[in-house]
Amino acid sequence: MSVALRKLTLQVLSLEKELLSLKRAFGILSAQFEQAAGKNNTEIRDLSIFSAYLTGVKQSEIAKRFKLSPGRVSQIINGMGDKLGSKTVDTERRHQVIKNTKPQRKAKKSKVEKTDELHS
């Protein structure tokens, strides 16, 4: 009986070691998953900030909405601009802002322009 008990004891010890290694592996995988999920969350937040910027929302309003400093919002926007190419971003922003603004009145003619029209 002592031989059978010894075999069972060795088997239990072996299984305990295997369990510990599986716990370590699970802990590592869990940490990697949490890190990846956190990175994805910040990327989604950054894309939301950038799309709000492109639609014409002021950076100060974006900062309030996402509870960030205006400087951080600016960094995010500039970083996204670098990824996409600054010219593309500037052009897209200009088009969006132009679409969202009211039409401006024609500027009044100066006295010089009025007199030029009279004499021509």
Protein backbone atom coordinates (compact mmCIF):
# COMPACT_ATOMS: atom_id res chain seq x y z
CA MET A 1 0.00 0.00 0.00
CA SER A 2 2.84 2.37 0.64
CA VAL A 3 4.02 1.97 -2.99
CA ALA A 4 0.57 2.93 -4.29
CA LEU A 5 0.43 5.85 -1.86
CA ARG A 6 3.88 7.01 -2.98
CA LYS A 7 2.83 6.85 -6.66
CA LEU A 8 -0.30 8.88 -5.92
CA THR A 9 1.73 11.45 -3.97
CA LEU A 10 4.16 11.84 -6.89
CA GLN A 11 1.25 12.16 -9.31
CA VAL A 12 -0.36 14.88 -7.13
CA LEU A 13 2.95 16.79 -6.97
CA SER A 14 3.31 16.51 -10.75
CA LEU A 15 -0.23 17.78 -11.27
CA GLU A 16 0.36 20.68 -8.84
CA LYS A 17 3.44 21.76 -10.84
CA GLU A 18 1.45 21.56 -14.07
CA LEU A 19 -1.34 23.59 -12.49
CA LEU A 20 1.11 26.30 -11.39
CA SER A 21 2.60 26.53 -14.89
CA LEU A 22 -0.90 26.81 -16.38
CA LYS A 23 -1.78 29.57 -13.88
CA ARG A 24 1.37 31.49 -14.89
CA ALA A 25 0.56 31.07 -18.59
CA PHE A 26 -3.01 32.21 -17.99
CA GLY A 27 -1.78 35.26 -16.07
CA ILE A 28 0.56 36.21 -18.92
CA LEU A 29 -2.13 35.76 -21.57
CA SER A 30 -4.62 37.72 -19.49
CA ALA A 31 -2.18 40.61 -19.10
CA GLN A 32 -1.45 40.61 -22.84
CA PHE A 33 -5.16 40.65 -23.63
CA GLU A 34 -5.82 43.55 -21.25
CA GLN A 35 -2.94 45.49 -22.75
CA ALA A 36 -4.25 44.91 -26.29
CA ALA A 37 -7.80 45.82 -25.27
CA GLY A 38 -6.58 49.03 -23.65
CA LYS A 39 -4.65 49.93 -26.78
CA ASN A 40 -7.73 49.32 -28.93
CA ASN A 41 -9.84 51.50 -26.62
CA THR A 42 -7.42 54.41 -26.95
CA GLU A 43 -7.27 53.98 -30.72
CA ILE A 44 -11.06 54.09 -30.91
CA ARG A 45 -11.08 57.20 -28.69
CA ASP A 46 -8.43 58.85 -30.86
CA LEU A 47 -10.41 58.12 -34.03
CA SER A 48 -13.54 59.57 -32.41
CA ILE A 49 -11.63 62.71 -31.47
CA PHE A 50 -10.23 63.02 -34.97
CA SER A 51 -13.61 62.54 -36.66
CA ALA A 52 -15.12 65.19 -34.37
CA TYR A 53 -12.31 67.55 -35.38
CA LEU A 54 -12.92 66.86 -39.08
CA THR A 55 -16.62 67.63 -38.72
CA GLY A 56 -15.80 71.07 -37.39
CA VAL A 57 -16.11 70.66 -33.62
CA LYS A 58 -13.78 72.99 -31.74
CA GLN A 59 -10.83 71.38 -29.98
CA SER A 60 -11.86 72.88 -26.64
CA GLU A 61 -15.30 71.26 -26.94
CA ILE A 62 -13.69 67.93 -27.87
CA ALA A 63 -11.43 68.19 -24.82
CA LYS A 64 -14.42 68.73 -22.53
CA ARG A 65 -16.36 65.85 -24.10
CA PHE A 66 -13.51 63.36 -23.66
CA LYS A 67 -12.27 64.84 -20.36
CA LEU A 68 -8.81 65.60 -21.77
CA SER A 69 -6.68 68.71 -21.83
CA PRO A 70 -6.82 70.82 -25.02
CA GLY A 71 -3.10 70.17 -25.48
CA ARG A 72 -3.65 66.40 -25.48
CA VAL A 73 -6.47 66.74 -28.01
CA SER A 74 -4.15 68.76 -30.22
CA GLN A 75 -1.46 66.07 -29.94
CA ILE A 76 -3.95 63.37 -30.90
CA ILE A 77 -5.19 65.35 -33.90
CA ASN A 78 -1.65 66.09 -35.06
CA GLY A 79 -0.68 62.44 -34.58
CA MET A 80 -3.62 61.27 -36.67
CA GLY A 81 -2.74 63.89 -39.25
CA ASP A 82 0.79 62.50 -39.44
CA LYS A 83 -0.58 58.99 -39.97
CA LEU A 84 -2.94 60.10 -42.75
CA GLY A 85 -0.79 62.82 -44.24
CA SER A 86 -1.11 66.44 -43.14
CA LYS A 87 -2.19 67.75 -46.56
CA THR A 88 -5.12 65.33 -46.66
CA VAL A 89 -6.22 66.33 -43.17
CA ASP A 90 -5.88 70.07 -43.78
CA THR A 91 -7.84 69.83 -47.04
CA GLU A 92 -10.54 67.66 -45.47
CA ARG A 93 -10.85 70.00 -42.49
CA ARG A 94 -11.08 73.05 -44.74
CA HIS A 95 -13.89 71.44 -46.77
CA GLN A 96 -15.79 70.42 -43.63
CA VAL A 97 -15.46 73.86 -42.05
CA ILE A 98 -16.57 75.57 -45.26
CA LYS A 99 -19.66 73.32 -45.43
CA ASN A 100 -20.57 74.08 -41.80
CA THR A 101 -20.23 77.87 -41.96
CA LYS A 102 -22.84 80.42 -42.88
CA PRO A 103 -22.41 82.25 -46.17
CA GLN A 104 -20.59 85.51 -45.69
CA ARG A 105 -21.89 88.84 -46.90
CA LYS A 106 -20.15 90.51 -49.75
CA ALA A 107 -17.64 93.03 -48.54
CA LYS A 108 -18.58 96.65 -48.94
CA LYS A 109 -16.72 98.43 -51.66
CA SER A 110 -14.17 100.94 -50.58
CA LYS A 111 -14.38 104.58 -51.66
CA VAL A 112 -11.57 104.01 -54.15
CA GLU A 113 -13.43 101.14 -55.80
CA LYS A 114 -16.64 103.19 -55.96
CA THR A 115 -14.91 106.10 -57.62
CA ASP A 116 -13.18 103.74 -60.06
CA GLU A 117 -16.58 102.35 -61.07
CA LEU A 118 -17.97 105.83 -61.61
CA HIS A 119 -15.07 106.85 -63.82
CA SER A 120 -15.04 103.73 -65.94
